[in-house]
Amino acid sequence: SRAARACHKKSIKYDKDWMKQYEKLKAFKARKGHCNVSQNYSTDPSLATWVKIQRHLYKCMKEGNPSRLTPERAEQLEKIGFEWSTVDDPCENASEERSYQYKKAWRKQYKKLKDFKSRVGHCNVPQDYSKDLSLGVWVKTQRNEYRKWMEKQESCMTEKRIRTLEKIGFEWILNESICDMEWMVHYGDLKQFISEEGDCDTINLSRKNKRLSDWVKKQLEQYEQLKEGRPTGMSDKRRNALEKIARKLSRPNDPSNDAAPIQTNQIETEWMKQYEKLREFKLRKGHCDVSRSSKTHPTLYKWTKTQKQLYELMMEGKSSDLTQEQVEALEKIGFEWSKPQKIRQNVKFTHDWLRRYKELKDYKAREGNCNVSQRYHENLALGKWVKAQRYMYKLMQNGKPTSMTQDRVKALERIGFEWCRYSSSTAKDSD
């Protein structure tokens, strides 16, 4: 019948296409030494898709579901060293020999991580680690698998692997101090590049180390944002570190290679200029609410908006360029951080707030109190956050707009948080 003939034609075409891709895979194996064609393989995307389909069909066949892959073809693929599951996707591994290969690869990466730890002093390999990208990806995978394991989801993480990693000081949850360590790894690579090359223009760096070049460009962009008084993720510690080598850095098309560092006093001077403009505005208008549509003060509107964004970061304990002195100076002239109706009082807890709260609980368990110093080097952000909670509580007591809620007050008091930093010590002195 016509339908049977059409079906036969399709079958012949499928067999022909299959053999064509199979021959391409053999050629790939001859060149590369393996059959693991990446999904990002730009030279031949159709081969990458075909390889993925074969693995899916094999899984269906093993589970007894309908599959166009025959045992003969599976054997044909295995003869050229085809692997039915890759190291990148270990959880799909059903066969013992594949499991063995994954364990072997895991041990290999673990050994590399130990070597990294012995050199750098920690296990926080950046995901885009330019010297060994596979190690950075592997470290991220371990954290993802651990999260799944904790949530009782299917995971390749085991108790034995958890203990093995924790033995060398592996940290499962990323926090600000870990991000700082990862930043310092890139910074160390940059210093090494400068010591070898004498300087660091990004064109030369891009040719030799594209990932490090992208990181440097990002830092230079943040420098510019900082200079303009805009919110940036660059902390004082990072800024100071970059200032030490700033004259060695230059952007493309900057032959002078004389990029001057951004000095702290320069930023403060710019801040004071805008602050004085705002004071003059307040004297004339009677308020500090600069309109967005103001044609006479376009830069002042942007600046006031930036201060509010920096204040929000400060209140959440995140890195912010706004200081407590600047906050007080602005409030002295009647600056309002947000309109009362915009304060989200109905939000009991945010993710960031809870993360800091957990860090504070851990601190309390270790130190026996919640009085985290602002100079607490192990977690500077926590020190800032603790100070911010006291400040927000003070606003709440004075009936001013604040992100502090009764639920947060109760949660903090439950772990012995003191709203007045020196209340207990003062009490002791009076005795």
Protein backbone atom coordinates (compact mmCIF):
# COMPACT_ATOMS: atom_id res chain seq x y z
CA SER A 1 0.00 0.00 0.00
CA ARG A 2 0.96 3.66 -0.31
CA ALA A 3 1.31 4.03 3.48
CA ALA A 4 3.62 1.01 3.69
CA ARG A 5 5.80 2.33 0.86
CA ALA A 6 6.04 5.74 2.55
CA CYS A 7 6.97 4.07 5.84
CA HIS A 8 9.64 2.00 4.09
CA LYS A 9 11.10 5.12 2.44
CA LYS A 10 11.27 6.86 5.84
CA SER A 11 13.01 3.83 7.34
CA ILE A 12 15.62 3.81 4.54
CA LYS A 13 16.19 7.57 4.96
CA TYR A 14 16.55 7.16 8.75
CA ASP A 15 19.12 4.34 8.29
CA LYS A 16 21.02 6.43 5.75
CA ASP A 17 21.04 9.52 8.03
CA TRP A 18 22.06 7.38 11.02
CA MET A 19 25.07 5.94 9.17
CA LYS A 20 26.04 9.42 7.95
CA GLN A 21 26.12 10.76 11.51
CA TYR A 22 27.87 7.60 12.71
CA GLU A 23 30.67 8.15 10.18
CA LYS A 24 30.96 11.78 11.30
CA LEU A 25 31.24 10.59 14.91
CA LYS A 26 34.02 8.14 13.93
CA ALA A 27 35.90 11.02 12.26
CA PHE A 28 35.36 13.13 15.42
CA LYS A 29 36.77 10.27 17.54
CA ALA A 30 39.81 9.97 15.26
CA ARG A 31 40.54 13.69 15.72
CA LYS A 32 39.66 14.15 19.40
CA GLY A 33 40.26 10.70 20.91
CA HIS A 34 36.72 10.43 22.39
CA CYS A 35 33.03 10.52 21.37
CA ASN A 36 31.77 13.12 23.85
CA VAL A 37 30.53 15.79 21.45
CA SER A 38 29.60 18.89 23.44
CA GLN A 39 26.13 20.41 23.03
CA ASN A 40 27.94 23.68 22.26
CA TYR A 41 29.95 22.10 19.42
CA SER A 42 29.65 24.92 16.86
CA THR A 43 31.54 23.07 14.05
CA ASP A 44 28.67 20.61 13.63
CA PRO A 45 25.58 21.27 15.79
CA SER A 46 23.65 18.43 14.07
CA LEU A 47 26.22 15.88 15.30
CA ALA A 48 25.91 17.18 18.87
CA THR A 49 22.10 16.84 18.69
CA TRP A 50 22.37 13.32 17.20
CA VAL A 51 24.72 12.17 19.99
CA LYS A 52 22.28 13.47 22.61
CA ILE A 53 19.39 11.64 20.89
CA GLN A 54 21.33 8.33 20.86
CA ARG A 55 21.82 8.58 24.63
CA HIS A 56 18.11 9.29 25.13
CA LEU A 57 17.11 6.35 22.89
CA TYR A 58 19.51 4.06 24.75
CA LYS A 59 17.91 5.04 28.06
CA CYS A 60 14.45 4.28 26.62
CA MET A 61 15.69 0.91 25.34
CA LYS A 62 17.17 -0.01 28.75
CA GLU A 63 13.92 0.90 30.50
CA GLY A 64 11.92 -1.29 28.09
CA ASN A 65 10.24 1.68 26.40
CA PRO A 66 9.83 2.06 22.60
CA SER A 67 13.15 3.09 21.01
CA ARG A 68 14.52 3.36 17.47
CA LEU A 69 17.96 2.36 18.72
CA THR A 70 18.60 -1.34 18.16
CA PRO A 71 21.01 -3.49 20.23
CA GLU A 72 23.14 -3.89 17.07
CA ARG A 73 23.53 -0.14 16.70
CA ALA A 74 24.22 0.27 20.42
CA GLU A 75 27.00 -2.33 20.04
CA GLN A 76 28.26 -0.52 16.94
CA LEU A 77 28.55 2.73 18.92
CA GLU A 78 30.24 1.03 21.87
CA LYS A 79 32.89 -0.44 19.54
CA ILE A 80 34.20 3.08 18.87
CA GLY A 81 34.19 3.94 22.59
CA PHE A 82 30.82 5.72 22.79
CA GLU A 83 29.75 6.48 26.38
CA TRP A 84 26.04 6.40 27.19
CA SER A 85 26.35 8.97 29.95
CA THR A 86 28.96 11.70 30.33
CA VAL A 87 30.76 13.06 33.39
CA ASP A 88 28.71 16.25 32.94
CA ASP A 89 25.51 14.27 33.45
CA PRO A 90 26.45 11.52 35.94
CA CYS A 91 22.98 10.97 37.35
CA GLU A 92 21.77 9.39 34.09
CA ASN A 93 24.44 6.73 34.49
CA ALA A 94 22.93 3.31 34.85
CA SER A 95 25.81 0.94 34.12
CA GLU A 96 28.51 -0.01 36.60
CA GLU A 97 31.38 0.73 34.25
CA ARG A 98 30.04 4.23 33.59
CA SER A 99 29.66 4.74 37.34
CA TYR A 100 33.27 3.69 37.76
CA GLN A 101 34.36 6.25 35.14
CA TYR A 102 32.44 9.01 36.96
CA LYS A 103 34.04 8.05 40.29
CA LYS A 104 37.44 8.10 38.64
CA ALA A 105 36.78 11.57 37.16
CA TRP A 106 35.46 12.76 40.54
CA ARG A 107 38.65 11.65 42.31
CA LYS A 108 40.75 13.36 39.63
CA GLN A 109 38.95 16.69 40.16
CA TYR A 110 39.11 16.24 43.93
CA LYS A 111 42.90 15.85 43.72
CA LYS A 112 43.08 19.04 41.64
CA LEU A 113 40.96 20.81 44.26
CA LYS A 114 43.35 19.67 47.02
CA ASP A 115 46.29 21.05 45.02
CA PHE A 116 44.39 24.33 44.57
CA LYS A 117 43.75 24.48 48.33
CA SER A 118 47.42 23.88 49.15
CA ARG A 119 48.42 26.77 46.84
CA VAL A 120 45.70 29.33 47.61
CA GLY A 121 44.52 28.36 51.11
CA HIS A 122 40.82 27.72 50.33
CA CYS A 123 38.56 25.64 48.07
CA ASN A 124 36.56 28.45 46.45
CA VAL A 125 37.48 28.01 42.79
CA PRO A 126 35.68 30.60 40.61
CA GLN A 127 33.37 29.08 38.04
CA ASP A 128 35.26 30.92 35.28
CA TYR A 129 38.71 30.02 36.67
CA SER A 130 40.95 30.77 33.69
CA LYS A 131 43.70 28.30 34.60
CA ASP A 132 41.35 25.29 34.84
CA LEU A 133 37.78 25.88 33.70
CA SER A 134 36.75 22.25 34.33
CA LEU A 135 37.68 22.54 38.02
CA GLY A 136 35.58 25.69 38.45
CA VAL A 137 32.58 24.00 36.83
CA TRP A 138 33.11 20.86 38.95
CA VAL A 139 33.15 22.87 42.21
CA LYS A 140 29.87 24.55 41.24
CA THR A 141 28.39 21.13 40.38
CA GLN A 142 29.29 19.79 43.84
CA ARG A 143 27.39 22.66 45.48
CA ASN A 144 24.37 22.06 43.21
CA GLU A 145 24.38 18.31 43.90
CA TYR A 146 24.70 18.97 47.64
CA ARG A 147 21.67 21.28 47.52
CA LYS A 148 19.64 18.56 45.75
CA TRP A 149 20.84 15.98 48.29
CA MET A 150 19.74 18.23 51.17
CA GLU A 151 16.31 18.70 49.53
CA LYS A 152 15.91 14.89 49.16
CA GLN A 153 16.03 15.14 45.36
CA GLU A 154 17.86 12.75 43.04
CA SER A 155 21.54 13.58 43.38
CA CYS A 156 24.98 12.14 42.77
CA MET A 157 26.17 13.50 46.11
CA THR A 158 26.86 10.95 48.86
CA GLU A 159 27.66 11.22 52.56
CA LYS A 160 31.15 9.89 51.87
CA ARG A 161 31.81 12.65 49.30
CA ILE A 162 30.43 15.28 51.67
CA ARG A 163 32.82 14.14 54.41
CA THR A 164 35.73 13.96 51.94
CA LEU A 165 35.15 17.51 50.73
CA GLU A 166 34.52 18.95 54.20
CA LYS A 167 37.79 17.37 55.38
CA ILE A 168 39.72 19.85 53.20
CA GLY A 169 37.54 22.81 54.24
CA PHE A 170 35.03 22.85 51.36
CA GLU A 171 32.16 25.35 51.97
CA TRP A 172 28.74 24.45 50.58
CA ILE A 173 26.97 27.81 50.80
CA LEU A 174 28.29 30.82 48.93
CA ASN A 175 28.45 33.99 50.98
CA GLU A 176 30.15 37.34 50.57
CA SER A 177 33.46 36.21 52.08
CA ILE A 178 33.62 33.27 49.64
CA CYS A 179 32.91 35.63 46.73
CA ASP A 180 35.80 37.78 47.99
CA MET A 181 38.08 34.75 47.95
CA GLU A 182 37.06 33.97 44.35
CA TRP A 183 37.70 37.62 43.44
CA MET A 184 41.18 37.40 44.99
CA VAL A 185 41.95 34.33 42.84
CA HIS A 186 41.31 36.42 39.70
CA TYR A 187 43.26 39.30 41.23
CA GLY A 188 46.22 36.97 41.89
CA ASP A 189 46.11 35.79 38.25
CA LEU A 190 46.10 39.42 37.11
CA LYS A 191 49.12 40.31 39.29
CA GLN A 192 50.98 37.29 37.90
CA PHE A 193 50.19 38.39 34.33
CA ILE A 194 51.46 41.91 35.06
CA SER A 195 54.67 40.58 36.64
CA GLU A 196 55.31 38.50 33.50
CA GLU A 197 54.29 41.13 30.91
CA GLY A 198 55.22 44.34 32.72
CA ASP A 199 51.77 45.88 32.21
CA CYS A 200 48.24 44.87 31.28
CA ASP A 201 46.46 46.42 28.34
CA THR A 202 43.24 44.48 27.75
CA ILE A 203 43.96 43.81 24.07
CA ASN A 204 47.13 41.90 24.91
CA LEU A 205 45.41 40.16 27.81
CA SER A 206 42.44 39.18 25.64
CA ARG A 207 44.75 37.39 23.23
CA LYS A 208 46.43 35.40 25.99
CA ASN A 209 43.66 34.88 28.56
CA LYS A 210 40.13 35.75 27.40
CA ARG A 211 38.39 34.92 30.70
CA LEU A 212 40.76 37.01 32.77
CA SER A 213 40.41 39.81 30.21
CA ASP A 214 36.60 39.78 30.63
CA TRP A 215 37.03 39.97 34.41
CA VAL A 216 39.40 42.97 34.13
CA LYS A 217 36.96 44.79 31.82
CA LYS A 218 34.21 44.27 34.39
CA GLN A 219 36.39 45.77 37.15
CA LEU A 220 37.17 48.82 34.98
CA GLU A 221 33.44 49.31 34.31
CA GLN A 222 32.74 49.19 38.05
CA TYR A 223 35.49 51.76 38.58
CA GLU A 224 33.67 54.12 36.19
CA GLN A 225 30.34 53.53 37.96
CA LEU A 226 32.00 54.25 41.29
CA LYS A 227 33.43 57.51 39.95
CA GLU A 228 29.97 58.60 38.81
CA GLY A 229 28.51 57.81 42.24
CA ARG A 230 26.35 54.98 40.88
CA PRO A 231 25.66 51.70 42.78
CA THR A 232 28.38 49.11 42.26
CA GLY A 233 29.33 45.76 43.74
CA MET A 234 32.91 46.92 44.30
CA SER A 235 33.79 46.98 47.98
CA ASP A 236 36.45 49.20 49.60
CA LYS A 237 38.72 46.18 49.94
CA ARG A 238 38.53 45.43 46.21
CA ARG A 239 38.91 49.08 45.26
CA ASN A 240 42.05 49.41 47.41
CA ALA A 241 43.51 46.24 45.90
CA LEU A 242 42.94 47.50 42.36
CA GLU A 243 44.32 50.95 43.18
CA LYS A 244 47.67 49.32 43.95
CA ILE A 245 48.01 48.17 40.34
CA ALA A 246 45.72 50.72 38.63
CA ARG A 247 48.51 52.37 36.62
CA LYS A 248 49.36 49.01 35.10
CA LEU A 249 45.81 48.69 33.72
CA SER A 250 44.58 50.26 30.51
CA ARG A 251 41.54 49.90 28.30
CA PRO A 252 41.76 49.14 24.55
CA ASN A 253 42.70 52.22 22.48
CA ASP A 254 44.44 53.76 25.50
CA PRO A 255 48.10 53.88 24.34
CA SER A 256 49.18 56.01 27.30
CA ASN A 257 48.70 53.06 29.68
CA ASP A 258 48.33 55.70 32.39
CA ALA A 259 44.91 54.97 33.88
CA ALA A 260 44.89 56.93 37.12
CA PRO A 261 43.33 55.25 40.12
CA ILE A 262 40.05 56.47 41.52
CA GLN A 263 40.87 57.96 44.87
CA THR A 264 38.47 57.86 47.79
CA ASN A 265 38.75 61.62 48.42
CA GLN A 266 37.79 62.26 44.78
CA ILE A 267 34.54 60.33 45.31
CA GLU A 268 33.85 62.13 48.57
CA THR A 269 34.42 65.53 46.93
CA GLU A 270 31.93 64.66 44.18
CA TRP A 271 29.43 63.49 46.83
CA MET A 272 29.76 66.75 48.76
CA LYS A 273 29.19 68.80 45.57
CA GLN A 274 25.88 67.06 44.98
CA TYR A 275 24.98 67.27 48.67
CA GLU A 276 25.45 71.07 48.63
CA LYS A 277 23.25 71.27 45.52
CA LEU A 278 20.57 69.32 47.39
CA ARG A 279 20.83 71.66 50.40
CA GLU A 280 20.30 74.66 48.10
CA PHE A 281 17.35 72.88 46.50
CA LYS A 282 15.83 72.29 49.97
CA LEU A 283 16.24 75.98 50.90
CA ARG A 284 14.40 77.07 47.76
CA LYS A 285 11.68 74.38 47.60
CA GLY A 286 11.28 73.38 51.24
CA HIS A 287 11.81 69.64 50.55
CA CYS A 288 14.42 67.22 49.10
CA ASP A 289 12.11 65.42 46.67
CA VAL A 290 13.82 66.24 43.33
CA SER A 291 11.44 65.52 40.46
CA ARG A 292 12.44 63.22 37.66
CA SER A 293 11.06 65.71 35.11
CA SER A 294 13.11 68.58 36.56
CA LYS A 295 14.95 70.24 33.68
CA THR A 296 17.01 72.46 35.97
CA HIS A 297 18.37 69.56 38.10
CA PRO A 298 18.71 66.41 35.90
CA THR A 299 21.96 65.23 37.54
CA LEU A 300 20.68 65.95 41.05
CA TYR A 301 17.65 63.71 40.49
CA LYS A 302 19.92 60.84 39.37
CA TRP A 303 22.18 61.40 42.37
CA THR A 304 19.30 61.32 44.91
CA LYS A 305 17.98 58.16 43.26
CA THR A 306 21.44 56.58 43.57
CA GLN A 307 21.62 57.46 47.28
CA LYS A 308 18.31 55.66 47.86
CA GLN A 309 19.58 52.57 46.02
CA LEU A 310 22.82 52.58 48.03
CA TYR A 311 20.81 52.99 51.24
CA GLU A 312 18.69 49.97 50.34
CA LEU A 313 21.85 47.90 49.80
CA MET A 314 23.20 49.15 53.13
CA MET A 315 20.00 48.16 54.96
CA GLU A 316 20.22 44.62 53.57
CA GLY A 317 23.83 44.32 54.75
CA LYS A 318 25.18 44.27 51.19
CA SER A 319 28.21 46.12 49.89
CA SER A 320 27.36 49.84 49.66
CA ASP A 321 29.43 53.01 49.11
CA LEU A 322 27.12 55.02 51.37
CA THR A 323 28.54 55.69 54.85
CA GLN A 324 26.65 56.16 58.12
CA GLU A 325 27.92 59.76 58.27
CA GLN A 326 26.45 60.47 54.83
CA VAL A 327 23.12 58.92 55.88
CA GLU A 328 22.98 61.20 58.93
CA ALA A 329 23.97 64.27 56.87
CA LEU A 330 21.15 63.61 54.41
CA GLU A 331 18.58 62.98 57.15
CA LYS A 332 19.64 66.21 58.87
CA ILE A 333 18.29 68.21 55.92
CA GLY A 334 15.07 66.16 55.78
CA PHE A 335 15.97 63.66 53.04
CA GLU A 336 13.44 60.80 52.87
CA TRP A 337 14.72 57.40 51.80
CA SER A 338 11.34 56.15 50.63
CA LYS A 339 7.73 57.16 50.89
CA PRO A 340 5.90 55.43 53.76
CA GLN A 341 3.42 53.71 51.46
CA LYS A 342 6.27 52.18 49.50
CA ILE A 343 7.80 50.44 52.52
CA ARG A 344 6.88 46.79 52.14
CA GLN A 345 5.73 46.17 55.69
CA ASN A 346 3.78 43.11 54.57
CA VAL A 347 7.01 41.32 53.69
CA LYS A 348 8.04 39.51 56.86
CA PHE A 349 11.42 38.25 55.70
CA THR A 350 13.44 38.50 52.49
CA HIS A 351 15.94 35.95 51.29
CA ASP A 352 18.91 38.27 51.96
CA TRP A 353 17.66 39.17 55.43
CA LEU A 354 17.26 35.50 56.36
CA ARG A 355 20.74 34.69 55.04
CA ARG A 356 22.30 37.34 57.30
CA TYR A 357 20.11 36.20 60.19
CA LYS A 358 21.45 32.65 59.81
CA GLU A 359 25.03 34.00 59.74
CA LEU A 360 24.28 35.92 62.94
CA LYS A 361 22.91 32.77 64.61
CA ASP A 362 26.12 30.93 63.66
CA TYR A 363 28.16 33.82 65.07
CA LYS A 364 26.16 33.68 68.32
CA ALA A 365 26.75 29.91 68.60
CA ARG A 366 30.51 30.49 68.29
CA GLU A 367 31.00 33.74 70.22
CA GLY A 368 28.12 33.65 72.72
CA ASN A 369 26.70 37.07 71.72
CA CYS A 370 25.28 38.96 68.73
CA ASN A 371 27.56 42.00 68.95
CA VAL A 372 29.32 41.71 65.61
CA SER A 373 31.90 44.44 65.12
CA GLN A 374 31.89 46.45 61.89
CA ARG A 375 35.56 45.52 61.63
CA TYR A 376 34.80 41.78 61.81
CA HIS A 377 37.15 40.74 58.98
CA GLU A 378 35.72 37.24 58.53
CA ASN A 379 32.40 38.74 57.42
CA LEU A 380 32.40 42.55 57.04
CA ALA A 381 28.92 42.48 55.52
CA LEU A 382 27.48 40.88 58.67
CA GLY A 383 28.94 43.67 60.82
CA LYS A 384 27.31 46.28 58.58
CA TRP A 385 24.01 44.39 58.60
CA VAL A 386 23.94 44.21 62.43
CA LYS A 387 24.50 47.97 62.61
CA ALA A 388 21.77 48.49 60.01
CA GLN A 389 19.27 46.45 62.09
CA ARG A 390 19.88 48.69 65.11
CA TYR A 391 19.46 51.79 62.97
CA MET A 392 16.23 50.52 61.38
CA TYR A 393 14.88 49.63 64.82
CA LYS A 394 15.62 53.19 65.98
CA LEU A 395 13.64 54.55 63.00
CA MET A 396 10.81 52.20 63.88
CA GLN A 397 10.78 53.45 67.49
CA ASN A 398 10.61 57.04 66.23
CA GLY A 399 7.69 56.23 63.92
CA LYS A 400 9.71 56.82 60.73
CA PRO A 401 9.62 54.73 57.50
CA THR A 402 11.75 51.60 57.99
CA SER A 403 12.15 48.05 56.70
CA MET A 404 12.14 46.74 60.30
CA THR A 405 9.02 44.75 61.22
CA GLN A 406 7.67 43.26 64.46
CA ASP A 407 8.43 39.79 63.09
CA ARG A 408 12.07 40.71 62.55
CA VAL A 409 12.28 42.30 65.99
CA LYS A 410 10.94 39.08 67.60
CA ALA A 411 13.27 36.88 65.53
CA LEU A 412 16.33 38.92 66.55
CA GLU A 413 15.35 39.13 70.22
CA ARG A 414 14.79 35.36 70.25
CA ILE A 415 18.54 34.84 69.76
CA GLY A 416 19.50 37.50 72.34
CA PHE A 417 20.06 40.48 70.03
CA GLU A 418 20.67 43.75 71.92
CA TRP A 419 19.30 46.89 70.31
CA CYS A 420 21.66 49.15 72.24
CA ARG A 421 25.23 47.96 71.55
CA TYR A 422 26.60 48.80 74.99
CA SER A 423 23.51 48.22 77.13
CA SER A 424 24.87 45.14 78.91
CA SER A 425 28.31 46.63 79.51
CA THR A 426 26.78 49.83 80.86
CA ALA A 427 24.65 47.81 83.25
CA LYS A 428 27.73 46.01 84.53
CA ASP A 429 29.58 49.29 85.10
CA SER A 430 26.68 50.71 87.13
CA ASP A 431 26.82 47.70 89.43
